[in-house]
Amino acid sequence: MSHSTLIALFSACCPWLALVWGFQALAGRCGLARRGWVRLSLLGLVAIGVLLVPVEGMPVAGWLRGCIANFSLPLAGLLAVAVWEAEFGARLFSGRDWTAGWVFGSLSGLGLYPFALGWGRFDPYEWGWSFLPLAAISTLLTGALLWKQNRFGLLLLLAVLAYNLRLLESTNYWDYLLDPVYCLVSIIALGWRLTPLFRPVNQ
């Protein structure tokens, strides 16, 4: 398998996982509650079919790759965990692990994208080109999470491996840790988790 093919497959990984996760929810609502490898295989094939549907001469996967070429490793990992837990009922991530993922995605995104879009003269995105400053911070964070037995740290560790394998078109380390979709989903998920804290007790 060529390296370009590997990059293309990985770029389709997140949309595929997201579709499978959505089909799982739809199957549950339609009464197809029996879970397992058979249902997962069928849903996976349907998701592949959707991504291969041609739209103006280009498959849906190609259009998605044109919009967002680099989906981050943490997002792919979180989606894979969600699909596995939904299909087999095995809890791979605790609530603490999920919260760590959402906090990382939201805070990193809010600390990166406004500056990258021109807010101020400081641009932390440049750290990703030299790799070392960002890698040092990422290593400390990953080590702390793993020491606390937080499994989200494993996804940050996989981001380092993916960077070394150059699984993305980008050579900036930030793109292996974060992407706009992951940031947006993290903000929404974190807000959803924090919402009950602001609700009156009697409601």
N, C-alpha and C. Protein backbone atom coordinates (compact mmCIF):
# COMPACT_ATOMS: atom_id res chain seq x y z
N MET A 1 0.84 -1.19 0.00
CA MET A 1 0.00 0.00 0.00
C MET A 1 0.89 1.25 0.00
N SER A 2 0.62 2.16 -0.93
CA SER A 2 1.43 3.37 -1.02
C SER A 2 1.08 4.32 0.12
N HIS A 3 2.00 5.25 0.37
CA HIS A 3 1.78 6.21 1.45
C HIS A 3 0.60 7.12 1.15
N SER A 4 0.43 7.52 -0.11
CA SER A 4 -0.69 8.38 -0.48
C SER A 4 -2.02 7.67 -0.27
N THR A 5 -2.06 6.37 -0.54
CA THR A 5 -3.28 5.59 -0.29
C THR A 5 -3.58 5.52 1.20
N LEU A 6 -2.55 5.36 2.01
CA LEU A 6 -2.72 5.31 3.45
C LEU A 6 -3.27 6.63 3.97
N ILE A 7 -2.77 7.73 3.45
CA ILE A 7 -3.27 9.05 3.85
C ILE A 7 -4.75 9.20 3.47
N ALA A 8 -5.10 8.77 2.25
CA ALA A 8 -6.50 8.87 1.81
C ALA A 8 -7.42 8.03 2.67
N LEU A 9 -6.98 6.83 3.03
CA LEU A 9 -7.79 5.96 3.88
C LEU A 9 -8.00 6.57 5.27
N PHE A 10 -6.94 7.14 5.81
CA PHE A 10 -7.07 7.74 7.14
C PHE A 10 -7.98 8.96 7.11
N SER A 11 -7.92 9.74 6.02
CA SER A 11 -8.77 10.92 5.93
C SER A 11 -10.24 10.54 5.88
N ALA A 12 -10.53 9.33 5.39
CA ALA A 12 -11.93 8.85 5.33
C ALA A 12 -12.34 8.15 6.61
N CYS A 13 -11.39 7.92 7.51
CA CYS A 13 -11.67 7.15 8.72
C CYS A 13 -12.68 7.85 9.62
N CYS A 14 -12.46 9.15 9.88
CA CYS A 14 -13.37 9.88 10.78
C CYS A 14 -14.79 9.99 10.22
N PRO A 15 -14.96 10.39 8.94
CA PRO A 15 -16.33 10.41 8.39
C PRO A 15 -16.99 9.03 8.44
N TRP A 16 -16.21 7.98 8.17
CA TRP A 16 -16.77 6.63 8.21
C TRP A 16 -17.22 6.27 9.62
N LEU A 17 -16.39 6.54 10.62
CA LEU A 17 -16.76 6.25 12.01
C LEU A 17 -17.97 7.07 12.43
N ALA A 18 -18.01 8.33 12.01
CA ALA A 18 -19.16 9.18 12.37
C ALA A 18 -20.45 8.64 11.76
N LEU A 19 -20.37 8.18 10.51
CA LEU A 19 -21.55 7.60 9.86
C LEU A 19 -21.99 6.31 10.57
N VAL A 20 -21.03 5.46 10.89
CA VAL A 20 -21.38 4.22 11.59
C VAL A 20 -22.03 4.53 12.92
N TRP A 21 -21.49 5.48 13.66
CA TRP A 21 -22.06 5.86 14.95
C TRP A 21 -23.49 6.39 14.78
N GLY A 22 -23.71 7.20 13.73
CA GLY A 22 -25.05 7.71 13.47
C GLY A 22 -26.01 6.60 13.07
N PHE A 23 -25.54 5.65 12.26
CA PHE A 23 -26.38 4.52 11.86
C PHE A 23 -26.71 3.63 13.05
N GLN A 24 -25.79 3.52 14.01
CA GLN A 24 -26.07 2.75 15.22
C GLN A 24 -27.25 3.36 15.98
N ALA A 25 -27.22 4.68 16.12
CA ALA A 25 -28.32 5.35 16.80
C ALA A 25 -29.63 5.19 16.04
N LEU A 26 -29.56 5.28 14.71
CA LEU A 26 -30.75 5.12 13.88
C LEU A 26 -31.28 3.69 13.95
N ALA A 27 -30.37 2.72 13.95
CA ALA A 27 -30.79 1.32 14.04
C ALA A 27 -31.48 1.04 15.36
N GLY A 28 -30.99 1.64 16.42
CA GLY A 28 -31.63 1.47 17.72
C GLY A 28 -33.03 2.04 17.74
N ARG A 29 -33.21 3.18 17.10
CA ARG A 29 -34.54 3.80 17.04
C ARG A 29 -35.50 3.02 16.16
N CYS A 30 -34.95 2.31 15.17
CA CYS A 30 -35.79 1.52 14.26
C CYS A 30 -36.07 0.12 14.78
N GLY A 31 -35.60 -0.17 15.98
CA GLY A 31 -35.87 -1.47 16.58
C GLY A 31 -34.84 -2.53 16.28
N LEU A 32 -33.76 -2.17 15.59
CA LEU A 32 -32.71 -3.15 15.31
C LEU A 32 -31.71 -3.14 16.47
N ALA A 33 -32.19 -3.62 17.59
CA ALA A 33 -31.41 -3.49 18.82
C ALA A 33 -30.35 -4.58 18.98
N ARG A 34 -30.43 -5.63 18.18
CA ARG A 34 -29.46 -6.71 18.32
C ARG A 34 -28.09 -6.24 17.84
N ARG A 35 -27.15 -6.21 18.77
CA ARG A 35 -25.85 -5.67 18.46
C ARG A 35 -24.81 -6.77 18.32
N GLY A 36 -23.69 -6.43 17.69
CA GLY A 36 -22.62 -7.40 17.53
C GLY A 36 -21.87 -7.18 16.23
N TRP A 37 -21.00 -8.14 15.90
CA TRP A 37 -20.16 -8.00 14.73
C TRP A 37 -20.95 -7.97 13.42
N VAL A 38 -22.06 -8.72 13.37
CA VAL A 38 -22.84 -8.76 12.13
C VAL A 38 -23.43 -7.39 11.84
N ARG A 39 -24.07 -6.79 12.84
CA ARG A 39 -24.67 -5.47 12.63
C ARG A 39 -23.60 -4.43 12.36
N LEU A 40 -22.49 -4.51 13.08
CA LEU A 40 -21.41 -3.54 12.87
C LEU A 40 -20.84 -3.65 11.46
N SER A 41 -20.70 -4.86 10.96
CA SER A 41 -20.19 -5.06 9.60
C SER A 41 -21.15 -4.50 8.57
N LEU A 42 -22.45 -4.75 8.78
CA LEU A 42 -23.44 -4.23 7.84
C LEU A 42 -23.48 -2.71 7.84
N LEU A 43 -23.45 -2.12 9.03
CA LEU A 43 -23.47 -0.66 9.13
C LEU A 43 -22.19 -0.07 8.53
N GLY A 44 -21.07 -0.76 8.74
CA GLY A 44 -19.81 -0.28 8.17
C GLY A 44 -19.84 -0.29 6.65
N LEU A 45 -20.43 -1.34 6.07
CA LEU A 45 -20.53 -1.42 4.61
C LEU A 45 -21.46 -0.34 4.06
N VAL A 46 -22.55 -0.08 4.78
CA VAL A 46 -23.47 0.99 4.35
C VAL A 46 -22.76 2.34 4.40
N ALA A 47 -21.97 2.55 5.45
CA ALA A 47 -21.23 3.81 5.57
C ALA A 47 -20.23 3.97 4.44
N ILE A 48 -19.56 2.88 4.07
CA ILE A 48 -18.63 2.93 2.94
C ILE A 48 -19.38 3.27 1.66
N GLY A 49 -20.56 2.67 1.49
CA GLY A 49 -21.37 2.96 0.31
C GLY A 49 -21.74 4.43 0.23
N VAL A 50 -22.09 5.02 1.36
CA VAL A 50 -22.44 6.45 1.38
C VAL A 50 -21.24 7.30 0.98
N LEU A 51 -20.08 6.97 1.51
CA LEU A 51 -18.88 7.76 1.21
C LEU A 51 -18.45 7.63 -0.24
N LEU A 52 -18.86 6.54 -0.90
CA LEU A 52 -18.48 6.32 -2.30
C LEU A 52 -19.51 6.84 -3.28
N VAL A 53 -20.63 7.35 -2.79
CA VAL A 53 -21.66 7.89 -3.67
C VAL A 53 -21.09 9.09 -4.44
N PRO A 54 -21.15 9.06 -5.77
CA PRO A 54 -20.59 10.18 -6.54
C PRO A 54 -21.50 11.40 -6.53
N VAL A 55 -20.91 12.54 -6.32
CA VAL A 55 -21.63 13.81 -6.37
C VAL A 55 -20.86 14.71 -7.33
N GLU A 56 -21.46 14.99 -8.47
CA GLU A 56 -20.82 15.77 -9.52
C GLU A 56 -19.46 15.19 -9.89
N GLY A 57 -19.42 13.87 -10.03
CA GLY A 57 -18.22 13.19 -10.48
C GLY A 57 -17.19 12.89 -9.41
N MET A 58 -17.47 13.26 -8.17
CA MET A 58 -16.53 12.99 -7.08
C MET A 58 -17.27 12.32 -5.94
N PRO A 59 -16.69 11.27 -5.34
CA PRO A 59 -17.37 10.62 -4.21
C PRO A 59 -17.49 11.55 -3.02
N VAL A 60 -18.45 11.26 -2.16
CA VAL A 60 -18.69 12.09 -0.98
C VAL A 60 -17.41 12.20 -0.14
N ALA A 61 -16.66 11.09 -0.04
CA ALA A 61 -15.42 11.11 0.73
C ALA A 61 -14.44 12.14 0.18
N GLY A 62 -14.40 12.29 -1.14
CA GLY A 62 -13.52 13.27 -1.75
C GLY A 62 -13.93 14.70 -1.41
N TRP A 63 -15.25 14.95 -1.40
CA TRP A 63 -15.74 16.28 -1.04
C TRP A 63 -15.40 16.60 0.41
N LEU A 64 -15.57 15.61 1.28
CA LEU A 64 -15.24 15.84 2.69
C LEU A 64 -13.75 16.10 2.87
N ARG A 65 -12.95 15.36 2.14
CA ARG A 65 -11.50 15.57 2.23
C ARG A 65 -11.11 16.95 1.71
N GLY A 66 -11.85 17.44 0.72
CA GLY A 66 -11.58 18.77 0.21
C GLY A 66 -11.93 19.86 1.21
N CYS A 67 -12.96 19.60 2.03
CA CYS A 67 -13.36 20.57 3.05
C CYS A 67 -12.43 20.52 4.27
N ILE A 68 -12.18 19.32 4.76
CA ILE A 68 -11.29 19.13 5.91
C ILE A 68 -10.36 17.96 5.58
N ALA A 69 -9.14 18.29 5.22
CA ALA A 69 -8.21 17.24 4.80
C ALA A 69 -7.62 16.49 5.98
N ASN A 70 -7.54 17.15 7.12
CA ASN A 70 -6.85 16.56 8.27
C ASN A 70 -7.78 16.43 9.47
N PHE A 71 -8.23 15.21 9.73
CA PHE A 71 -8.94 14.92 10.97
C PHE A 71 -7.91 14.42 11.98
N SER A 72 -8.00 14.91 13.19
CA SER A 72 -6.99 14.62 14.19
C SER A 72 -7.13 13.21 14.75
N LEU A 73 -6.04 12.73 15.35
CA LEU A 73 -6.04 11.40 15.97
C LEU A 73 -6.99 11.31 17.16
N PRO A 74 -7.01 12.30 18.06
CA PRO A 74 -7.97 12.20 19.17
C PRO A 74 -9.41 12.09 18.72
N LEU A 75 -9.79 12.82 17.68
CA LEU A 75 -11.16 12.72 17.18
C LEU A 75 -11.44 11.33 16.65
N ALA A 76 -10.51 10.79 15.85
CA ALA A 76 -10.69 9.44 15.33
C ALA A 76 -10.79 8.43 16.46
N GLY A 77 -9.94 8.58 17.47
CA GLY A 77 -9.95 7.65 18.60
C GLY A 77 -11.23 7.72 19.39
N LEU A 78 -11.72 8.93 19.64
CA LEU A 78 -12.97 9.10 20.40
C LEU A 78 -14.15 8.52 19.64
N LEU A 79 -14.17 8.71 18.33
CA LEU A 79 -15.25 8.13 17.52
C LEU A 79 -15.19 6.61 17.53
N ALA A 80 -13.96 6.06 17.45
CA ALA A 80 -13.81 4.61 17.48
C ALA A 80 -14.29 4.04 18.82
N VAL A 81 -13.97 4.73 19.90
CA VAL A 81 -14.42 4.29 21.23
C VAL A 81 -15.95 4.36 21.31
N ALA A 82 -16.53 5.44 20.79
CA ALA A 82 -17.98 5.59 20.82
C ALA A 82 -18.67 4.48 20.04
N VAL A 83 -18.13 4.15 18.87
CA VAL A 83 -18.71 3.08 18.05
C VAL A 83 -18.62 1.74 18.77
N TRP A 84 -17.47 1.46 19.34
CA TRP A 84 -17.26 0.18 20.04
C TRP A 84 -18.19 0.07 21.25
N GLU A 85 -18.29 1.12 22.03
CA GLU A 85 -19.15 1.08 23.22
C GLU A 85 -20.61 0.94 22.83
N ALA A 86 -21.02 1.62 21.75
CA ALA A 86 -22.41 1.53 21.33
C ALA A 86 -22.76 0.15 20.79
N GLU A 87 -21.78 -0.52 20.19
CA GLU A 87 -22.07 -1.81 19.56
C GLU A 87 -21.95 -2.98 20.53
N PHE A 88 -21.02 -2.91 21.43
CA PHE A 88 -20.75 -4.07 22.29
C PHE A 88 -21.04 -3.81 23.77
N GLY A 89 -21.40 -2.59 24.10
CA GLY A 89 -21.76 -2.28 25.48
C GLY A 89 -20.58 -2.34 26.44
N ALA A 90 -19.37 -2.42 25.91
CA ALA A 90 -18.17 -2.47 26.74
C ALA A 90 -17.68 -1.05 26.97
N ARG A 91 -17.53 -0.69 28.21
CA ARG A 91 -17.12 0.68 28.54
C ARG A 91 -15.60 0.79 28.47
N LEU A 92 -15.11 1.37 27.39
CA LEU A 92 -13.67 1.56 27.22
C LEU A 92 -13.18 2.84 27.89
N PHE A 93 -14.00 3.88 27.83
CA PHE A 93 -13.66 5.16 28.44
C PHE A 93 -14.63 5.45 29.58
N SER A 94 -14.07 5.87 30.70
CA SER A 94 -14.90 6.32 31.81
C SER A 94 -15.36 7.76 31.54
N GLY A 95 -16.24 8.25 32.38
CA GLY A 95 -16.67 9.63 32.23
C GLY A 95 -15.51 10.59 32.36
N ARG A 96 -14.55 10.24 33.20
CA ARG A 96 -13.35 11.07 33.38
C ARG A 96 -12.51 11.11 32.10
N ASP A 97 -12.42 9.97 31.41
CA ASP A 97 -11.66 9.92 30.15
C ASP A 97 -12.32 10.78 29.08
N TRP A 98 -13.64 10.67 28.98
CA TRP A 98 -14.36 11.48 28.00
C TRP A 98 -14.21 12.97 28.30
N THR A 99 -14.33 13.33 29.58
CA THR A 99 -14.20 14.73 29.95
C THR A 99 -12.83 15.26 29.59
N ALA A 100 -11.79 14.45 29.81
CA ALA A 100 -10.43 14.88 29.44
C ALA A 100 -10.34 15.15 27.94
N GLY A 101 -10.97 14.30 27.15
CA GLY A 101 -10.96 14.50 25.70
C GLY A 101 -11.67 15.77 25.28
N TRP A 102 -12.81 16.05 25.91
CA TRP A 102 -13.56 17.26 25.56
C TRP A 102 -12.86 18.52 26.06
N VAL A 103 -12.26 18.45 27.24
CA VAL A 103 -11.53 19.61 27.76
C VAL A 103 -10.33 19.91 26.88
N PHE A 104 -9.59 18.87 26.49
CA PHE A 104 -8.43 19.08 25.62
C PHE A 104 -8.86 19.69 24.29
N GLY A 105 -9.90 19.14 23.67
CA GLY A 105 -10.34 19.65 22.38
C GLY A 105 -10.83 21.08 22.43
N SER A 106 -11.59 21.42 23.46
CA SER A 106 -12.16 22.76 23.55
C SER A 106 -11.10 23.80 23.92
N LEU A 107 -10.31 23.52 24.96
CA LEU A 107 -9.31 24.50 25.39
C LEU A 107 -8.19 24.67 24.36
N SER A 108 -7.75 23.56 23.75
CA SER A 108 -6.71 23.67 22.73
C SER A 108 -7.22 24.44 21.52
N GLY A 109 -8.46 24.17 21.12
CA GLY A 109 -9.02 24.87 19.98
C GLY A 109 -9.21 26.35 20.24
N LEU A 110 -9.71 26.68 21.43
CA LEU A 110 -9.91 28.10 21.78
C LEU A 110 -8.58 28.82 21.96
N GLY A 111 -7.54 28.06 22.31
CA GLY A 111 -6.23 28.67 22.46
C GLY A 111 -5.44 28.74 21.17
N LEU A 112 -5.90 28.01 20.14
CA LEU A 112 -5.16 27.96 18.88
C LEU A 112 -5.82 28.74 17.76
N TYR A 113 -7.08 28.42 17.47
CA TYR A 113 -7.69 28.93 16.24
C TYR A 113 -7.90 30.44 16.20
N PRO A 114 -8.30 31.11 17.30
CA PRO A 114 -8.41 32.57 17.20
C PRO A 114 -7.10 33.24 16.81
N PHE A 115 -5.97 32.76 17.38
CA PHE A 115 -4.67 33.34 17.03
C PHE A 115 -4.27 32.96 15.61
N ALA A 116 -4.56 31.71 15.22
CA ALA A 116 -4.21 31.27 13.86
C ALA A 116 -4.99 32.04 12.80
N LEU A 117 -6.16 32.56 13.17
CA LEU A 117 -6.99 33.32 12.23
C LEU A 117 -6.65 34.81 12.25
N GLY A 118 -5.61 35.18 13.00
CA GLY A 118 -5.15 36.57 12.93
C GLY A 118 -5.47 37.42 14.13
N TRP A 119 -5.94 36.81 15.23
CA TRP A 119 -6.24 37.59 16.43
C TRP A 119 -4.95 37.79 17.21
N GLY A 120 -4.34 38.93 17.03
CA GLY A 120 -3.07 39.22 17.70
C GLY A 120 -1.88 38.77 16.86
N ARG A 121 -0.70 39.09 17.35
CA ARG A 121 0.52 38.77 16.62
C ARG A 121 1.08 37.40 16.98
N PHE A 122 0.64 36.86 18.08
CA PHE A 122 1.13 35.56 18.53
C PHE A 122 0.39 34.45 17.80
N ASP A 123 1.13 33.51 17.23
CA ASP A 123 0.52 32.41 16.48
C ASP A 123 1.11 31.08 16.98
N PRO A 124 0.42 30.40 17.90
CA PRO A 124 0.94 29.12 18.41
C PRO A 124 0.97 28.01 17.37
N TYR A 125 0.28 28.22 16.24
CA TYR A 125 0.29 27.20 15.19
C TYR A 125 1.71 26.97 14.65
N GLU A 126 2.55 28.00 14.74
CA GLU A 126 3.92 27.88 14.27
C GLU A 126 4.71 26.86 15.09
N TRP A 127 4.28 26.62 16.33
CA TRP A 127 4.98 25.63 17.16
C TRP A 127 4.94 24.25 16.51
N GLY A 128 3.87 23.99 15.77
CA GLY A 128 3.71 22.67 15.17
C GLY A 128 4.70 22.38 14.07
N TRP A 129 5.27 23.42 13.47
CA TRP A 129 6.23 23.20 12.39
C TRP A 129 7.56 22.72 12.95
N SER A 130 7.98 23.30 14.05
CA SER A 130 9.26 22.88 14.65
C SER A 130 9.10 21.63 15.50
N PHE A 131 7.86 21.33 15.89
CA PHE A 131 7.49 20.11 16.61
C PHE A 131 7.98 20.09 18.06
N LEU A 132 9.20 20.52 18.33
CA LEU A 132 9.78 20.34 19.65
C LEU A 132 9.03 21.06 20.77
N PRO A 133 8.69 22.36 20.64
CA PRO A 133 7.97 23.01 21.75
C PRO A 133 6.62 22.35 22.03
N LEU A 134 5.86 22.12 20.96
CA LEU A 134 4.55 21.51 21.13
C LEU A 134 4.67 20.07 21.61
N ALA A 135 5.68 19.36 21.11
CA ALA A 135 5.89 17.98 21.53
C ALA A 135 6.22 17.91 23.01
N ALA A 136 6.98 18.88 23.50
CA ALA A 136 7.34 18.89 24.92
C ALA A 136 6.10 19.06 25.79
N ILE A 137 5.24 20.01 25.40
CA ILE A 137 4.00 20.23 26.15
C ILE A 137 3.10 19.01 26.06
N SER A 138 2.98 18.46 24.85
CA SER A 138 2.14 17.28 24.65
C SER A 138 2.65 16.08 25.44
N THR A 139 3.97 15.93 25.50
CA THR A 139 4.56 14.81 26.25
C THR A 139 4.26 14.93 27.73
N LEU A 140 4.39 16.13 28.27
CA LEU A 140 4.09 16.34 29.69
C LEU A 140 2.62 16.05 29.99
N LEU A 141 1.73 16.53 29.11
CA LEU A 141 0.30 16.30 29.30
C LEU A 141 -0.03 14.82 29.18
N THR A 142 0.54 14.16 28.17
CA THR A 142 0.30 12.73 27.97
C THR A 142 0.78 11.93 29.16
N GLY A 143 1.98 12.26 29.64
CA GLY A 143 2.53 11.55 30.80
C GLY A 143 1.67 11.73 32.03
N ALA A 144 1.17 12.96 32.24
CA ALA A 144 0.32 13.22 33.40
C ALA A 144 -0.99 12.43 33.32
N LEU A 145 -1.58 12.38 32.12
CA LEU A 145 -2.84 11.64 31.96
C LEU A 145 -2.63 10.15 32.17
N LEU A 146 -1.55 9.61 31.60
CA LEU A 146 -1.28 8.19 31.77
C LEU A 146 -0.96 7.86 33.23
N TRP A 147 -0.27 8.75 33.90
CA TRP A 147 0.05 8.54 35.32
C TRP A 147 -1.23 8.51 36.15
N LYS A 148 -2.21 9.33 35.73
CA LYS A 148 -3.51 9.36 36.40
C LYS A 148 -4.43 8.25 35.88
N GLN A 149 -3.91 7.37 35.02
CA GLN A 149 -4.65 6.27 34.43
C GLN A 149 -5.86 6.76 33.63
N ASN A 150 -5.67 7.89 32.98
CA ASN A 150 -6.70 8.44 32.10
C ASN A 150 -6.42 7.96 30.68
N ARG A 151 -7.34 7.22 30.11
CA ARG A 151 -7.10 6.57 28.82
C ARG A 151 -7.07 7.53 27.65
N PHE A 152 -7.52 8.75 27.85
CA PHE A 152 -7.39 9.72 26.77
C PHE A 152 -5.92 9.97 26.44
N GLY A 153 -5.05 9.79 27.43
CA GLY A 153 -3.63 9.93 27.18
C GLY A 153 -3.12 9.00 26.10
N LEU A 154 -3.76 7.83 25.96
CA LEU A 154 -3.36 6.89 24.91
C LEU A 154 -3.59 7.47 23.52
N LEU A 155 -4.65 8.26 23.37
CA LEU A 155 -4.93 8.87 22.07
C LEU A 155 -3.89 9.93 21.73
N LEU A 156 -3.44 10.67 22.74
CA LEU A 156 -2.37 11.64 22.50
C LEU A 156 -1.07 10.93 22.15
N LEU A 157 -0.87 9.76 22.74
CA LEU A 157 0.32 8.96 22.42
C LEU A 157 0.25 8.47 20.98
N LEU A 158 -0.94 8.07 20.53
CA LEU A 158 -1.11 7.63 19.15
C LEU A 158 -0.89 8.77 18.16
N ALA A 159 -1.18 10.00 18.59
CA ALA A 159 -0.94 11.15 17.72
C ALA A 159 0.54 11.29 17.40
N VAL A 160 1.39 11.00 18.36
CA VAL A 160 2.84 11.05 18.12
C VAL A 160 3.23 10.00 17.08
N LEU A 161 2.68 8.79 17.23
CA LEU A 161 2.96 7.72 16.28
C LEU A 161 2.48 8.09 14.88
N ALA A 162 1.29 8.65 14.80
CA ALA A 162 0.75 9.05 13.50
C ALA A 162 1.60 10.15 12.87
N TYR A 163 2.11 11.06 13.70
CA TYR A 163 2.97 12.12 13.18
C TYR A 163 4.25 11.53 12.59
N ASN A 164 4.82 10.56 13.28
CA ASN A 164 6.04 9.93 12.78
C ASN A 164 5.79 9.14 11.49
N LEU A 165 4.58 8.60 11.34
CA LEU A 165 4.22 7.86 10.13
C LEU A 165 3.71 8.77 9.02
N ARG A 166 3.50 10.06 9.36
CA ARG A 166 2.97 11.04 8.41
C ARG A 166 1.65 10.55 7.79
N LEU A 167 0.69 10.25 8.68
CA LEU A 167 -0.61 9.75 8.21
C LEU A 167 -1.49 10.86 7.65
N LEU A 168 -1.11 12.11 7.87
CA LEU A 168 -1.86 13.23 7.34
C LEU A 168 -1.05 13.93 6.26
N GLU A 169 -1.75 14.69 5.43
CA GLU A 169 -1.04 15.48 4.42
C GLU A 169 -0.22 16.58 5.08
N SER A 170 -0.73 17.07 6.19
CA SER A 170 -0.03 18.15 6.91
C SER A 170 1.21 17.62 7.61
N THR A 171 2.21 18.48 7.71
CA THR A 171 3.41 18.15 8.48
C THR A 171 3.47 18.96 9.76
N ASN A 172 2.35 19.61 10.11
CA ASN A 172 2.28 20.38 11.34
C ASN A 172 1.69 19.50 12.44
N TYR A 173 2.39 19.42 13.56
CA TYR A 173 1.98 18.51 14.64
C TYR A 173 0.62 18.89 15.22
N TRP A 174 0.26 20.17 15.15
CA TRP A 174 -1.06 20.58 15.66
C TRP A 174 -2.17 19.81 14.97
N ASP A 175 -2.02 19.57 13.68
CA ASP A 175 -3.09 18.92 12.91
C ASP A 175 -3.29 17.46 13.31
N TYR A 176 -2.29 16.89 13.96
CA TYR A 176 -2.43 15.52 14.47
C TYR A 176 -3.13 15.50 15.82
N LEU A 177 -3.11 16.64 16.51
CA LEU A 177 -3.72 16.73 17.84
C LEU A 177 -5.12 17.33 17.80
N LEU A 178 -5.40 18.15 16.81
CA LEU A 178 -6.61 18.97 16.85
C LEU A 178 -7.09 19.28 15.45
N ASP A 179 -8.40 19.42 15.31
CA ASP A 179 -8.99 19.90 14.06
C ASP A 179 -10.25 20.67 14.41
N PRO A 180 -10.76 21.51 13.51
CA PRO A 180 -11.92 22.35 13.84
C PRO A 180 -13.16 21.55 14.25
N VAL A 181 -13.39 20.42 13.61
CA VAL A 181 -14.56 19.60 13.98
C VAL A 181 -14.42 19.09 15.40
N TYR A 182 -13.24 18.60 15.74
CA TYR A 182 -12.99 18.11 17.10
C TYR A 182 -13.18 19.23 18.12
N CYS A 183 -12.69 20.42 17.80
CA CYS A 183 -12.86 21.56 18.70
C CYS A 183 -14.33 21.89 18.91
N LEU A 184 -15.09 21.96 17.82
CA LEU A 184 -16.51 22.31 17.91
C LEU A 184 -17.29 21.26 18.69
N VAL A 185 -17.05 19.98 18.37
CA VAL A 185 -17.73 18.89 19.08
C VAL A 185 -17.37 18.91 20.56
N SER A 186 -16.12 19.21 20.86
CA SER A 186 -15.68 19.24 22.25
C SER A 186 -16.39 20.34 23.04
N ILE A 187 -16.51 21.50 22.43
CA ILE A 187 -17.19 22.61 23.10
C ILE A 187 -18.65 22.25 23.38
N ILE A 188 -19.31 21.65 22.39
CA ILE A 188 -20.71 21.26 22.56
C ILE A 188 -20.84 20.19 23.63
N ALA A 189 -19.98 19.16 23.56
CA ALA A 189 -20.05 18.06 24.52
C ALA A 189 -19.73 18.52 25.93
N LEU A 190 -18.73 19.38 26.06
CA LEU A 190 -18.35 19.88 27.38
C LEU A 190 -19.46 20.77 27.94
N GLY A 191 -20.05 21.59 27.07
CA GLY A 191 -21.17 22.42 27.52
C GLY A 191 -22.35 21.58 27.97
N TRP A 192 -22.60 20.47 27.25
CA TRP A 192 -23.69 19.58 27.62
C TRP A 192 -23.43 18.94 28.98
N ARG A 193 -22.17 18.59 29.25
CA ARG A 193 -21.84 17.97 30.53
C ARG A 193 -21.93 18.97 31.68
N LEU A 194 -21.61 20.22 31.39
CA LEU A 194 -21.62 21.24 32.45
C LEU A 194 -23.00 21.83 32.68
N THR A 195 -23.91 21.68 31.71
CA THR A 195 -25.23 22.28 31.84
C THR A 195 -25.96 21.90 33.12
N PRO A 196 -25.98 20.62 33.54
CA PRO A 196 -26.69 20.27 34.77
C PRO A 196 -26.18 21.01 36.00
N LEU A 197 -24.92 21.48 35.96
CA LEU A 197 -24.38 22.19 37.11
C LEU A 197 -25.08 23.53 37.34
N PHE A 198 -25.70 24.06 36.29
CA PHE A 198 -26.33 25.36 36.37
C PHE A 198 -27.86 25.25 36.46
N ARG A 199 -28.37 24.01 36.54
CA ARG A 199 -29.81 23.82 36.65
C ARG A 199 -30.23 23.83 38.11
N PRO A 200 -31.38 24.41 38.43
CA PRO A 200 -31.86 24.35 39.81
C PRO A 200 -32.05 22.91 40.27
N VAL A 201 -31.81 22.64 41.52
CA VAL A 201 -31.88 21.29 42.05
C VAL A 201 -33.29 20.72 41.95
N ASN A 202 -34.30 21.57 42.07
CA ASN A 202 -35.68 21.09 42.09
C ASN A 202 -36.25 20.87 40.70
N GLN A 203 -35.44 21.02 39.66
CA GLN A 203 -35.95 20.81 38.28
C GLN A 203 -35.44 19.50 37.74
